[in-house]
């Protein structure tokens, strides 16, 4: 009497997580029936030779549809059973970020922006910059961009990154641009005077101002003995002798000298005359645009 034919195995499986991401471990669990041997085709080449046993794991490096097949049999004897399933693997979006050099620029200084974006499952396809804050990513493209802000202020910028599967990410930042620091004269202006005290004040024998070419020199005089209220001249790079101020001044008279140039820290000198003593001298600096507000030099 012939032996009864064995029932054909039924191949089936589940997997977790149900919507895997690229780079994520996916676990496959056999739910087959009537099978003693379980083999797996995990790379979609049609051969169940990638793993054996009731469970298997794999990682998909790329997004998209992948086919996994379970092969079930009973001690290697026919009939055999297979079940393929399509696994939809989701793309991981890129992570956008960037750095600035210098991190705290000044007005008119060229800034280098460098993307530090990464994509966990593939190459970055495009990088686009919005550097003028208008919302359009059309100011530069690529990993590195250069930009200059002409005025001090806070400026919004952004980087948009796209991967090969069309996913995108945006990094935003506010760039704080400081005012350009004022320049300094290459050769510091120099005010010199020679004088002697008198019973009622003091007499100046010599008063000179040396300043770089193009600097503006302003002289103000008030009080007893002043030959004029104010005078202005432009330096030609050589010391200027203020000859009309070589005279006697009464106590309380004041001479103020200002040496200025646009965008440059200027010089302020004040001589205050005192009876029977050398004039009291005060030297200060002048910030650009503020010739009437002397400040301590730093």
Protein backbone atom coordinates (compact mmCIF):
# COMPACT_ATOMS: atom_id res chain seq x y z
CA UNK A 1 0.00 0.00 0.00
CA UNK A 2 1.45 3.41 -1.00
CA UNK A 3 2.29 6.00 1.65
CA UNK A 4 -0.07 8.98 1.69
CA UNK A 5 1.26 12.08 0.00
CA UNK A 6 2.34 14.81 2.41
CA UNK A 7 0.50 18.12 2.33
CA UNK A 8 2.23 20.88 0.38
CA UNK A 9 3.84 23.54 2.64
CA UNK A 10 2.36 27.01 2.66
CA UNK A 11 4.90 29.84 2.53
CA UNK A 12 4.20 33.21 4.18
CA UNK A 13 5.93 35.82 6.33
CA UNK A 14 5.57 39.15 8.05
CA UNK A 15 8.08 41.92 8.47
CA UNK A 16 8.76 44.78 10.86
CA UNK A 17 8.75 47.76 10.80
CA UNK A 18 5.87 47.92 8.31
CA UNK A 19 7.37 51.00 6.56
CA UNK A 20 11.12 50.67 6.94
CA UNK A 21 13.60 53.44 6.25
CA UNK A 22 16.87 53.15 4.43
CA UNK A 23 19.62 52.00 6.76
CA UNK A 24 17.08 50.56 9.20
CA UNK A 25 17.17 46.88 10.21
CA UNK A 26 14.13 45.00 8.89
CA UNK A 27 13.16 41.72 10.55
CA UNK A 28 11.33 39.04 8.55
CA UNK A 29 9.42 36.33 10.43
CA UNK A 30 8.16 33.16 8.80
CA UNK A 31 4.45 32.30 9.28
CA UNK A 32 4.74 29.33 6.92
CA UNK A 33 2.87 26.06 7.56
CA UNK A 34 3.93 22.50 6.85
CA UNK A 35 7.54 23.44 6.26
CA UNK A 36 10.66 22.22 8.02
CA UNK A 37 13.16 24.25 6.04
CA UNK A 38 12.98 28.00 5.53
CA UNK A 39 15.31 29.94 3.26
CA UNK A 40 15.27 33.59 2.19
CA UNK A 41 15.98 35.66 -0.89
CA UNK A 42 16.74 39.10 0.56
CA UNK A 43 18.57 40.73 -2.34
CA UNK A 44 15.94 40.08 -5.00
CA UNK A 45 18.15 37.97 -7.26
CA UNK A 46 15.67 35.05 -7.36
CA UNK A 47 17.81 32.73 -5.24
CA UNK A 48 16.85 31.81 -1.68
CA UNK A 49 20.43 31.72 -0.51
CA UNK A 50 20.76 34.83 1.66
CA UNK A 51 19.57 33.46 5.01
CA UNK A 52 18.00 30.38 6.60
CA UNK A 53 15.72 29.86 9.55
CA UNK A 54 12.40 31.15 10.79
CA UNK A 55 13.67 34.75 10.98
CA UNK A 56 16.00 36.86 8.90
CA UNK A 57 17.16 40.46 8.92
CA UNK A 58 18.51 42.83 6.33
CA UNK A 59 19.13 46.52 5.70
CA UNK A 60 18.16 48.31 2.51
CA UNK A 61 20.61 50.97 1.46
CA UNK A 62 18.36 52.61 -1.14
CA UNK A 63 14.79 53.82 -1.07
CA UNK A 64 12.12 52.30 -3.29
CA UNK A 65 10.45 48.93 -3.86
CA UNK A 66 12.44 45.82 -2.95
CA UNK A 67 11.36 42.20 -3.34
CA UNK A 68 11.91 39.63 -0.59
CA UNK A 69 10.98 35.98 -1.07
CA UNK A 70 10.56 33.15 1.43
CA UNK A 71 11.17 29.56 0.26
CA UNK A 72 9.55 26.79 2.29
CA UNK A 73 9.87 23.02 1.90
CA UNK A 74 9.51 19.84 3.89
CA UNK A 75 12.93 18.25 4.43
CA UNK A 76 14.03 19.28 1.00
CA UNK A 77 11.34 17.22 -0.71
CA UNK A 78 8.88 18.55 -3.21
CA UNK A 79 6.47 20.17 -3.39
CA UNK A 80 8.10 23.49 -2.51
CA UNK A 81 6.39 26.78 -1.70
CA UNK A 82 7.52 30.37 -2.16
CA UNK A 83 6.00 33.72 -1.41
CA UNK A 84 7.47 37.01 -2.66
CA UNK A 85 6.51 40.32 -1.10
CA UNK A 86 7.33 43.84 -2.16
CA UNK A 87 8.84 45.95 0.59
CA UNK A 88 8.47 49.70 0.18
CA UNK A 89 11.52 51.35 1.75
CA UNK A 90 11.16 55.03 2.58
CA UNK A 91 13.87 57.55 1.86
CA UNK A 92 15.57 59.37 4.70
CA UNK A 93 15.64 63.12 4.03
CA UNK A 94 18.94 64.99 4.15
CA UNK A 95 19.95 67.11 7.13
CA UNK A 96 20.80 70.68 6.18
CA UNK A 97 23.33 72.80 8.04
CA UNK A 98 26.10 75.27 7.28
CA UNK A 99 28.85 77.35 8.83
CA UNK A 100 30.12 80.90 8.28
CA UNK A 101 33.63 82.27 8.21
CA UNK A 102 34.07 84.67 9.79
CA UNK A 103 31.24 83.83 12.16
CA UNK A 104 30.70 87.50 13.07
CA UNK A 105 31.48 89.51 9.91
CA UNK A 106 31.70 93.26 9.60
CA UNK A 107 30.08 95.37 6.92
CA UNK A 108 31.83 95.05 3.57
CA UNK A 109 33.70 91.89 4.56
CA UNK A 110 33.47 88.82 2.31
CA UNK A 111 31.85 85.87 4.09
CA UNK A 112 32.40 82.24 3.11
CA UNK A 113 29.41 79.96 3.71
CA UNK A 114 30.14 76.24 3.76
CA UNK A 115 27.48 73.56 3.70
CA UNK A 116 27.84 70.82 6.31
CA UNK A 117 24.72 68.99 5.11
CA UNK A 118 24.62 65.19 5.10
CA UNK A 119 22.31 62.57 3.66
CA UNK A 120 22.10 59.24 5.50
CA UNK A 121 21.19 57.10 2.51
CA UNK A 122 22.70 58.59 -0.57
CA UNK A 123 24.43 61.48 -2.23
CA UNK A 124 23.18 65.04 -2.05
CA UNK A 125 21.92 66.05 -5.47
CA UNK A 126 21.68 69.83 -5.12
CA UNK A 127 22.43 72.62 -2.67
CA UNK A 128 20.89 76.06 -3.16
CA UNK A 129 21.33 79.29 -1.21
CA UNK A 130 19.08 82.20 -0.32
CA UNK A 131 21.51 84.89 0.74
CA UNK A 132 19.47 88.06 0.20
CA UNK A 133 16.54 86.97 2.37
CA UNK A 134 13.91 87.17 -0.42
CA UNK A 135 12.81 83.55 0.00
CA UNK A 136 14.20 82.42 -3.33
CA UNK A 137 17.04 79.90 -3.39
CA UNK A 138 18.66 81.52 -6.40
CA UNK A 139 21.68 83.41 -5.07
CA UNK A 140 24.26 80.63 -5.25
CA UNK A 141 24.53 76.87 -5.72
CA UNK A 142 26.93 74.25 -4.48
CA UNK A 143 28.69 73.38 -1.26
CA UNK A 144 30.40 76.78 -0.86
CA UNK A 145 29.02 80.27 -1.36
CA UNK A 146 30.45 83.76 -0.87
CA UNK A 147 28.54 86.89 0.08
CA UNK A 148 29.14 90.43 1.30
CA UNK A 149 26.74 92.58 3.28
CA UNK A 150 27.57 96.27 2.71
CA UNK A 151 25.84 97.56 5.85
CA UNK A 152 25.63 96.49 9.47
CA UNK A 153 22.46 94.68 10.53
CA UNK A 154 20.85 91.27 10.94
CA UNK A 155 20.24 89.33 7.73
CA UNK A 156 18.29 86.06 7.25
CA UNK A 157 19.89 83.41 5.05
CA UNK A 158 18.98 79.82 4.20
CA UNK A 159 20.34 76.68 2.55
CA UNK A 160 18.10 74.16 0.80
CA UNK A 161 19.44 70.64 0.26
CA UNK A 162 17.90 68.03 -2.06
CA UNK A 163 18.78 64.34 -2.22
CA UNK A 164 18.61 62.01 -5.22
CA UNK A 165 15.11 60.85 -4.28
CA UNK A 166 13.68 64.35 -4.20
CA UNK A 167 13.54 64.85 -0.43
CA UNK A 168 14.68 68.23 0.81
CA UNK A 169 15.65 70.02 4.00
CA UNK A 170 16.25 73.68 4.78
CA UNK A 171 18.62 75.25 7.30
CA UNK A 172 18.10 78.90 8.30
CA UNK A 173 20.11 81.40 10.29
CA UNK A 174 20.33 85.10 10.99
CA UNK A 175 23.72 86.60 10.24
CA UNK A 176 24.67 89.50 12.49
CA UNK A 177 26.87 91.93 10.59
CA UNK A 178 28.75 94.39 12.76
CA UNK A 179 29.69 97.91 11.67
CA UNK A 180 33.06 98.19 10.06
CA UNK A 181 35.52 99.36 12.71
CA UNK A 182 36.91 102.83 12.05
CA UNK A 183 40.33 103.14 10.52
CA UNK A 184 43.32 104.62 12.27
CA UNK A 185 45.82 107.03 10.84
CA UNK A 186 48.96 105.20 9.76
CA UNK A 187 50.93 108.01 11.32
CA UNK A 188 49.27 109.41 14.41
CA UNK A 189 48.58 113.16 14.31
CA UNK A 190 50.88 115.16 16.57
CA UNK A 191 50.17 118.49 18.28
CA UNK A 192 53.17 120.31 19.78
CA UNK A 193 53.37 123.59 21.64
CA UNK A 194 56.09 125.62 23.31
CA UNK A 195 55.10 128.31 25.82
CA UNK A 196 55.73 129.93 29.13
CA UNK A 197 53.44 131.05 31.98
CA UNK A 198 52.71 134.74 32.52
CA UNK A 199 51.14 136.53 35.43
CA UNK A 200 47.79 136.71 33.64
CA UNK A 201 47.94 133.47 31.68
CA UNK A 202 50.58 132.12 29.31
CA UNK A 203 52.32 132.90 26.08
CA UNK A 204 52.65 130.45 23.20
CA UNK A 205 55.90 130.64 21.32
CA UNK A 206 55.06 127.81 18.91
CA UNK A 207 52.01 125.64 18.09
CA UNK A 208 52.27 123.04 15.30
CA UNK A 209 50.06 120.25 13.98
CA UNK A 210 51.46 117.30 12.02
CA UNK A 211 48.87 115.09 10.28
CA UNK A 212 48.78 112.68 7.33
CA UNK A 213 48.04 114.10 3.90
CA UNK A 214 44.32 114.75 3.35
CA UNK A 215 43.41 115.01 7.02
CA UNK A 216 41.20 117.96 7.95
CA UNK A 217 42.52 120.24 10.69
CA UNK A 218 40.10 122.41 12.58
CA UNK A 219 41.21 125.03 15.14
CA UNK A 220 38.91 126.85 17.56
CA UNK A 221 39.92 129.58 19.97
CA UNK A 222 37.84 131.35 22.56
CA UNK A 223 38.70 133.74 25.38
CA UNK A 224 41.15 136.57 25.93
CA UNK A 225 43.92 136.77 23.36
CA UNK A 226 42.29 134.72 20.57
CA UNK A 227 43.06 136.16 17.12
CA UNK A 228 40.10 134.30 15.57
CA UNK A 229 37.29 131.94 16.49
CA UNK A 230 37.97 129.08 14.12
CA UNK A 231 40.05 128.09 11.15
CA UNK A 232 40.08 125.03 8.89
CA UNK A 233 42.73 123.66 6.61
CA UNK A 234 43.71 120.40 4.92
CA UNK A 235 47.02 118.74 5.68
CA UNK A 236 49.53 118.27 2.89
CA UNK A 237 51.48 115.77 4.95
CA UNK A 238 53.87 118.29 6.50
CA UNK A 239 53.72 119.97 9.95
CA UNK A 240 51.65 123.13 9.97
CA UNK A 241 52.70 126.06 12.18
CA UNK A 242 49.73 127.97 13.56
CA UNK A 243 51.62 131.29 13.57
CA UNK A 244 48.72 133.54 14.54
CA UNK A 245 48.38 131.61 17.79
CA UNK A 246 51.98 132.40 18.80
CA UNK A 247 50.95 135.10 21.27
CA UNK A 248 49.83 135.74 24.84
CA UNK A 249 46.53 134.40 26.19
CA UNK A 250 44.70 135.30 29.37
CA UNK A 251 43.59 132.75 31.93
CA UNK A 252 40.39 130.99 30.84
CA UNK A 253 41.21 131.07 27.13
CA UNK A 254 40.85 127.73 25.34
CA UNK A 255 42.32 126.41 22.10
CA UNK A 256 40.84 123.21 20.60
CA UNK A 257 42.40 121.34 17.69
CA UNK A 258 40.61 118.56 15.79
CA UNK A 259 42.26 116.32 13.20
CA UNK A 260 39.68 114.25 11.30
CA UNK A 261 39.15 112.13 8.20
CA UNK A 262 36.13 110.09 7.08
CA UNK A 263 35.97 106.56 8.57
CA UNK A 264 39.10 107.29 10.63
CA UNK A 265 39.55 107.84 14.34
CA UNK A 266 40.54 111.45 14.75
CA UNK A 267 42.58 113.40 17.30
CA UNK A 268 41.39 116.08 19.72
CA UNK A 269 43.67 118.37 21.74
CA UNK A 270 42.57 121.11 24.12
CA UNK A 271 44.81 123.76 25.73
CA UNK A 272 43.26 125.63 28.64
CA UNK A 273 45.21 128.69 29.85
CA UNK A 274 45.82 129.33 33.54
CA UNK A 275 47.40 132.28 35.30
CA UNK A 276 51.05 131.72 36.13
CA UNK A 277 51.04 128.08 34.99
CA UNK A 278 51.64 126.03 31.87
CA UNK A 279 48.43 125.52 29.83
CA UNK A 280 46.46 122.43 30.84
CA UNK A 281 46.54 119.97 27.97
CA UNK A 282 43.94 117.26 27.29
CA UNK A 283 44.27 114.72 24.43
CA UNK A 284 41.34 112.55 23.29
CA UNK A 285 40.12 110.63 20.25
CA UNK A 286 37.25 111.45 17.90
CA UNK A 287 35.05 108.70 16.49
CA UNK A 288 34.08 109.17 12.83
CA UNK A 289 31.01 111.35 12.49
CA UNK A 290 31.29 112.73 16.03
CA UNK A 291 33.82 115.58 15.93
CA UNK A 292 32.24 117.32 18.94
CA UNK A 293 32.31 114.31 21.26
CA UNK A 294 35.90 113.58 22.32
CA UNK A 295 36.35 110.15 23.93
CA UNK A 296 39.18 108.42 25.69
CA UNK A 297 41.45 106.63 23.27
CA UNK A 298 41.58 102.85 23.45
